[in-house]
Protein backbone atom coordinates (compact mmCIF):
# COMPACT_ATOMS: atom_id res chain seq x y z
CA MET A 1 -34.66 -85.18 -35.97
CA LEU A 2 -37.14 -85.50 -33.88
CA PRO A 3 -36.89 -82.67 -31.09
CA ILE A 4 -37.83 -84.89 -28.22
CA GLU A 5 -37.55 -83.17 -24.43
CA LYS A 6 -37.61 -85.90 -22.02
CA VAL A 7 -39.97 -89.29 -21.44
CA ASP A 8 -43.49 -87.83 -20.26
CA HIS A 9 -45.36 -90.76 -18.62
CA VAL A 10 -44.81 -94.49 -18.59
CA GLY A 11 -48.50 -96.23 -19.11
CA ILE A 12 -49.02 -99.33 -17.23
CA ARG A 13 -52.26 -101.79 -17.98
CA VAL A 14 -53.41 -102.76 -14.64
CA ARG A 15 -56.26 -105.08 -13.16
CA GLN A 16 -57.30 -103.93 -9.98
CA LYS A 17 -56.70 -100.25 -9.48
CA GLN A 18 -55.97 -99.49 -5.76
CA VAL A 19 -54.03 -102.46 -5.75
CA SER A 20 -51.38 -101.08 -7.76
CA ILE A 21 -52.00 -97.06 -6.57
CA ASP A 22 -51.02 -98.60 -3.21
CA PHE A 23 -47.64 -100.62 -4.62
CA TYR A 24 -46.51 -97.25 -6.51
CA GLU A 25 -47.41 -95.52 -3.54
CA GLY A 26 -45.53 -97.32 -1.24
CA LEU A 27 -42.49 -96.76 -3.93
CA GLY A 28 -42.96 -92.91 -3.38
CA PHE A 29 -45.28 -91.99 -5.85
CA GLU A 30 -48.13 -89.95 -5.27
CA THR A 31 -51.51 -89.78 -7.03
CA LEU A 32 -52.21 -86.65 -8.77
CA VAL A 33 -55.65 -87.80 -11.16
CA ASP A 34 -57.76 -90.44 -10.51
CA ARG A 35 -61.04 -90.07 -12.13
CA CYS A 36 -63.16 -92.64 -14.53
CA PHE A 37 -60.63 -94.93 -14.68
CA GLU A 38 -63.29 -97.72 -15.10
CA GLU A 39 -64.33 -95.27 -18.57
CA GLY A 40 -60.41 -95.82 -19.68
CA HIS A 41 -59.14 -92.72 -18.10
CA PRO A 42 -55.77 -92.84 -16.27
CA VAL A 43 -54.68 -92.53 -12.79
CA ILE A 44 -51.88 -90.54 -13.20
CA MET A 45 -48.83 -90.64 -10.37
CA ARG A 46 -46.02 -88.43 -9.77
CA HIS A 47 -42.63 -89.69 -7.50
CA PRO A 48 -40.69 -86.77 -6.11
CA SER A 49 -38.11 -87.50 -8.80
CA GLY A 50 -40.04 -86.28 -11.61
CA VAL A 51 -40.97 -89.86 -13.21
CA VAL A 52 -44.73 -90.08 -14.31
CA ILE A 53 -46.68 -92.90 -14.59
CA ASN A 54 -50.36 -93.43 -15.94
CA LEU A 55 -52.29 -96.61 -14.91
CA LEU A 56 -54.30 -97.72 -17.08
CA GLY A 57 -57.85 -99.88 -17.32
CA PRO A 58 -59.34 -101.86 -16.62
CA SER A 59 -57.79 -104.95 -18.30
CA THR A 60 -60.35 -106.48 -20.20
CA ALA A 61 -57.88 -109.98 -20.81
CA SER A 62 -57.39 -112.56 -18.50
CA ALA A 63 -54.51 -112.07 -16.07
CA GLY A 64 -52.34 -114.58 -17.88
CA SER A 65 -48.41 -114.02 -17.23
CA ASN A 66 -46.13 -111.25 -18.47
CA ILE A 67 -43.86 -113.07 -20.87
CA LEU A 68 -42.04 -110.40 -22.40
CA MET A 69 -38.87 -111.26 -19.81
CA ASP A 70 -39.34 -114.30 -18.21
CA VAL A 71 -39.23 -117.26 -21.10
CA ASP A 72 -36.55 -118.03 -24.14
CA GLU A 73 -39.32 -117.31 -26.15
CA LYS A 74 -38.60 -113.35 -26.80
CA HIS A 75 -42.16 -111.92 -28.32
CA PRO A 76 -42.34 -108.12 -29.45
CA GLY A 77 -43.18 -105.57 -26.90
CA ILE A 78 -42.00 -103.14 -24.33
CA THR A 79 -40.45 -105.47 -21.79
CA HIS A 80 -39.92 -103.15 -18.78
CA VAL A 81 -38.97 -99.72 -17.26
CA SER A 82 -35.85 -98.81 -15.81
CA PHE A 83 -35.33 -95.96 -13.29
CA LYS A 84 -31.68 -94.75 -12.25
CA ILE A 85 -30.98 -94.78 -8.81
CA ALA A 86 -28.35 -93.43 -6.42
CA SER A 87 -27.71 -96.46 -3.94
CA MET A 88 -28.77 -99.47 -4.44
CA GLU A 89 -28.20 -101.05 -1.29
CA ALA A 90 -30.93 -98.70 -0.12
CA ALA A 91 -33.12 -99.45 -2.82
CA LYS A 92 -32.38 -103.37 -1.58
CA THR A 93 -33.04 -102.44 1.99
CA PHE A 94 -36.52 -100.38 0.91
CA LEU A 95 -37.78 -103.21 -1.39
CA ALA A 96 -37.23 -105.38 1.34
CA SER A 97 -38.85 -103.58 3.71
CA LYS A 98 -42.52 -103.47 1.92
CA ASN A 99 -41.59 -107.31 1.25
CA ILE A 100 -41.06 -106.44 -2.85
CA GLU A 101 -38.94 -109.64 -3.70
CA LEU A 102 -36.56 -109.40 -6.24
CA THR A 103 -36.76 -110.89 -9.73
CA GLY A 104 -32.97 -110.87 -11.16
CA ASN A 105 -30.12 -108.87 -10.99
CA PHE A 106 -26.66 -108.28 -13.26
CA SER A 107 -23.78 -105.85 -12.96
CA PHE A 108 -21.83 -104.69 -16.25
CA LYS A 109 -18.74 -102.40 -16.29
CA GLY A 110 -19.47 -100.58 -13.16
CA MET A 111 -23.80 -100.79 -13.37
CA HIS A 112 -25.52 -102.56 -11.55
CA ALA A 113 -28.96 -103.30 -11.73
CA ILE A 114 -32.05 -105.19 -10.03
CA PHE A 115 -35.55 -106.19 -11.08
CA PHE A 116 -38.63 -106.86 -9.43
CA ARG A 117 -42.51 -107.01 -10.69
CA ASP A 118 -45.31 -104.93 -10.21
CA PRO A 119 -49.04 -106.69 -9.08
CA ASP A 120 -49.92 -107.38 -12.43
CA ARG A 121 -46.05 -108.76 -13.17
CA ASN A 122 -44.92 -105.94 -15.03
CA VAL A 123 -41.17 -105.93 -15.02
CA ILE A 124 -39.71 -102.88 -13.27
CA GLU A 125 -35.22 -102.37 -13.35
CA LEU A 126 -33.35 -99.89 -11.01
CA ASP A 127 -29.84 -99.03 -12.05
CA ALA A 128 -27.29 -97.81 -9.95
CA TYR A 129 -23.80 -96.34 -11.09
CA GLU A 130 -19.95 -96.67 -9.95
CA GLY A 131 -19.27 -93.22 -10.27
CA ALA A 132 -20.96 -91.01 -12.88
CA GLU A 133 -23.17 -92.35 -15.57
CA PRO A 134 -21.02 -93.44 -18.13
CA VAL A 135 -20.95 -90.86 -21.13
CA THR A 136 -20.56 -93.71 -23.66
CA ARG A 137 -23.86 -95.58 -22.68
CA ALA A 138 -25.20 -94.19 -25.65
CA LYS A 139 -22.84 -95.20 -28.13
CA PRO A 140 -21.10 -98.01 -26.58
CA SER A 141 -17.52 -99.49 -27.97
CA ASP A 142 -17.14 -101.96 -29.75
CA GLU A 143 -15.51 -104.15 -26.72
CA ALA A 144 -18.43 -102.96 -24.88
CA LEU A 145 -21.34 -104.25 -27.35
CA GLU A 146 -19.44 -106.99 -27.99
CA SER A 147 -18.96 -107.94 -23.51
CA TYR A 148 -22.71 -106.92 -23.44
CA LYS A 149 -23.92 -109.53 -27.11
CA SER A 150 -22.56 -112.25 -24.57
CA HIS A 151 -24.00 -111.29 -21.53
CA PRO A 152 -26.89 -114.26 -20.51
CA LYS A 153 -30.28 -112.03 -20.44
């Protein structure tokens, strides 16, 4: 077993550094390091929850569309980052106050999720649980697995 302690950070390639910094600061992230972005060094940001993101750049390819979650054809790659939240209603109110459009949602056995995109169209998921987060989440029962497989993505 690899002795992983936690997720260290999430790396996100961006086109426009300041637009992305402003977006993530709007979500509550604080900029810790912002040096030599143009030479490939990340802008390091941390949320009060302890989540760390690295904004990487500059991107060298055209903008294009992020196809990992939006089309029927499924390509390999990281599709999204997901953050656990305490209140779905508070999150929706907050996102609406920032004019951030929701791009999807689903509910499954006491877990509620919403999706939105950052300025580079990267998908961010927010998850809220009714009661405690289920212990069975990592190893779902056969019944839960079959129900999940039949859920439209």
